[in-house]
Amino acid sequence: MKENIGRAALLGGLVGLLAGAAVLAAPTPPAAEVKIDNFTFTPQKVTVKAGTTITWVNEDDIPHTVSATAKEFKSKVLDTDDKYSFTFVTPGTFEYFCSLHPHMTGTIVVEPAADGGAAP
């Protein structure tokens, strides 16, 4: 009887360990950063794979926004050191600008994910 309980505990422990390993092995989503400074998005054009999260960081001393021309995404007003992130899951070209300073523009080009489709 004790032997069966020991085996069950060992088996349960192995199942838990394998489940934990699967969680640890999950890939971290790719990321990229765009800096906002001196009325400029840098880099002005970013090319990424579907599933990538872009984070804009306002390093300027005045507020800015990040607004997609076709309205796919829009940040709140970003004060100095504020950040805004958006995950691009659909391939395509996404033009954006600062709604407070419309001459500030940028482009995100999203290519299909490595498996050929959009990211989950």
Protein backbone atom coordinates (compact mmCIF):
# COMPACT_ATOMS: atom_id res chain seq x y z
CA MET A 1 0.00 0.00 0.00
CA LYS A 2 2.76 2.46 0.94
CA GLU A 3 4.53 1.62 -2.32
CA ASN A 4 1.44 2.61 -4.38
CA ILE A 5 1.10 5.90 -2.48
CA GLY A 6 4.79 6.62 -3.09
CA ARG A 7 4.46 5.92 -6.80
CA ALA A 8 1.37 8.13 -7.07
CA ALA A 9 3.18 10.97 -5.28
CA LEU A 10 6.23 10.55 -7.53
CA LEU A 11 4.06 10.48 -10.66
CA GLY A 12 2.12 13.55 -9.50
CA GLY A 13 5.38 15.37 -8.82
CA LEU A 14 6.70 14.53 -12.30
CA VAL A 15 3.49 15.72 -13.96
CA GLY A 16 3.71 19.00 -12.03
CA LEU A 17 7.37 19.40 -12.94
CA LEU A 18 6.67 18.83 -16.64
CA ALA A 19 3.77 21.29 -16.59
CA GLY A 20 6.03 23.89 -14.99
CA ALA A 21 8.71 23.24 -17.59
CA ALA A 22 6.19 23.86 -20.37
CA VAL A 23 5.33 27.24 -18.86
CA LEU A 24 9.00 28.15 -18.50
CA ALA A 25 9.74 27.08 -22.06
CA ALA A 26 7.06 29.35 -23.55
CA PRO A 27 8.77 31.92 -25.78
CA THR A 28 8.84 35.53 -24.69
CA PRO A 29 7.02 37.74 -27.19
CA PRO A 30 9.42 39.90 -29.20
CA ALA A 31 9.59 43.58 -28.37
CA ALA A 32 10.92 46.80 -29.86
CA GLU A 33 11.17 50.37 -28.62
CA VAL A 34 10.61 53.73 -30.27
CA LYS A 35 11.91 56.83 -28.50
CA ILE A 36 10.09 60.15 -28.67
CA ASP A 37 12.49 63.08 -28.39
CA ASN A 38 13.02 66.48 -29.99
CA PHE A 39 9.70 66.18 -31.88
CA THR A 40 10.86 62.94 -33.53
CA PHE A 41 10.03 59.22 -33.38
CA THR A 42 13.30 57.24 -33.41
CA PRO A 43 13.59 55.01 -35.31
CA GLN A 44 11.05 56.54 -37.65
CA LYS A 45 10.43 53.21 -39.40
CA VAL A 46 10.43 49.85 -37.61
CA THR A 47 10.03 46.43 -39.25
CA VAL A 48 8.91 43.58 -36.97
CA LYS A 49 7.26 40.15 -37.11
CA ALA A 50 3.59 39.69 -36.21
CA GLY A 51 3.23 39.25 -32.47
CA THR A 52 5.80 41.92 -31.60
CA THR A 53 5.03 44.53 -28.96
CA ILE A 54 6.25 48.05 -29.71
CA THR A 55 6.76 50.40 -26.78
CA TRP A 56 6.99 54.15 -27.33
CA VAL A 57 8.83 56.09 -24.62
CA ASN A 58 8.45 59.86 -24.36
CA GLU A 59 11.92 61.20 -23.59
CA ASP A 60 10.94 64.72 -24.62
CA ASP A 61 10.16 67.45 -22.10
CA ILE A 62 6.72 68.09 -23.60
CA PRO A 63 3.68 65.82 -24.07
CA HIS A 64 3.13 63.69 -27.19
CA THR A 65 0.74 60.99 -28.41
CA VAL A 66 1.00 57.94 -30.66
CA SER A 67 -2.01 57.73 -33.01
CA ALA A 68 -2.44 55.35 -35.94
CA THR A 69 -3.58 57.08 -39.10
CA ALA A 70 -6.16 54.31 -39.70
CA LYS A 71 -7.14 54.29 -35.99
CA GLU A 72 -5.81 50.79 -35.12
CA PHE A 73 -4.24 52.19 -31.93
CA LYS A 74 -4.06 55.44 -29.98
CA SER A 75 -2.24 56.38 -26.80
CA LYS A 76 -3.30 58.80 -24.13
CA VAL A 77 -1.20 61.98 -23.88
CA LEU A 78 2.28 60.84 -22.82
CA ASP A 79 4.14 63.11 -20.44
CA THR A 80 7.92 62.88 -20.00
CA ASP A 81 9.00 59.27 -19.27
CA ASP A 82 5.51 57.88 -19.96
CA LYS A 83 5.25 54.76 -22.12
CA TYR A 84 2.66 53.31 -24.48
CA SER A 85 2.73 49.75 -25.84
CA PHE A 86 0.83 48.02 -28.62
CA THR A 87 1.14 44.44 -29.87
CA PHE A 88 0.97 44.06 -33.64
CA VAL A 89 -0.67 40.75 -34.57
CA THR A 90 -1.72 41.49 -38.16
CA PRO A 91 0.84 41.87 -40.96
CA GLY A 92 0.73 45.19 -42.78
CA THR A 93 2.04 48.74 -42.77
CA PHE A 94 0.85 51.01 -39.98
CA GLU A 95 1.40 54.76 -40.29
CA TYR A 96 1.17 56.83 -37.12
CA PHE A 97 1.66 60.40 -35.90
CA CYS A 98 1.52 62.60 -32.80
CA SER A 99 -1.97 64.11 -32.63
CA LEU A 100 -0.56 67.15 -30.77
CA HIS A 101 2.21 67.68 -33.37
CA PRO A 102 0.97 66.14 -36.66
CA HIS A 103 4.29 66.74 -38.44
CA MET A 104 5.73 63.96 -36.23
CA THR A 105 5.21 60.70 -38.14
CA GLY A 106 6.39 57.11 -38.09
CA THR A 107 5.78 53.74 -39.70
CA ILE A 108 5.55 50.20 -38.34
CA VAL A 109 5.90 47.42 -40.94
CA VAL A 110 4.63 44.08 -39.64
CA GLU A 111 5.74 40.97 -41.50
CA PRO A 112 4.08 37.55 -41.10
CA ALA A 113 5.20 35.56 -38.05
CA ALA A 114 7.88 32.91 -38.51
CA ASP A 115 5.19 30.23 -39.00
CA GLY A 116 3.77 32.23 -41.93
CA GLY A 117 0.57 33.32 -40.20
CA ALA A 118 -0.52 35.99 -37.81
CA ALA A 119 0.51 35.63 -34.19
CA PRO A 120 -2.03 34.13 -31.76
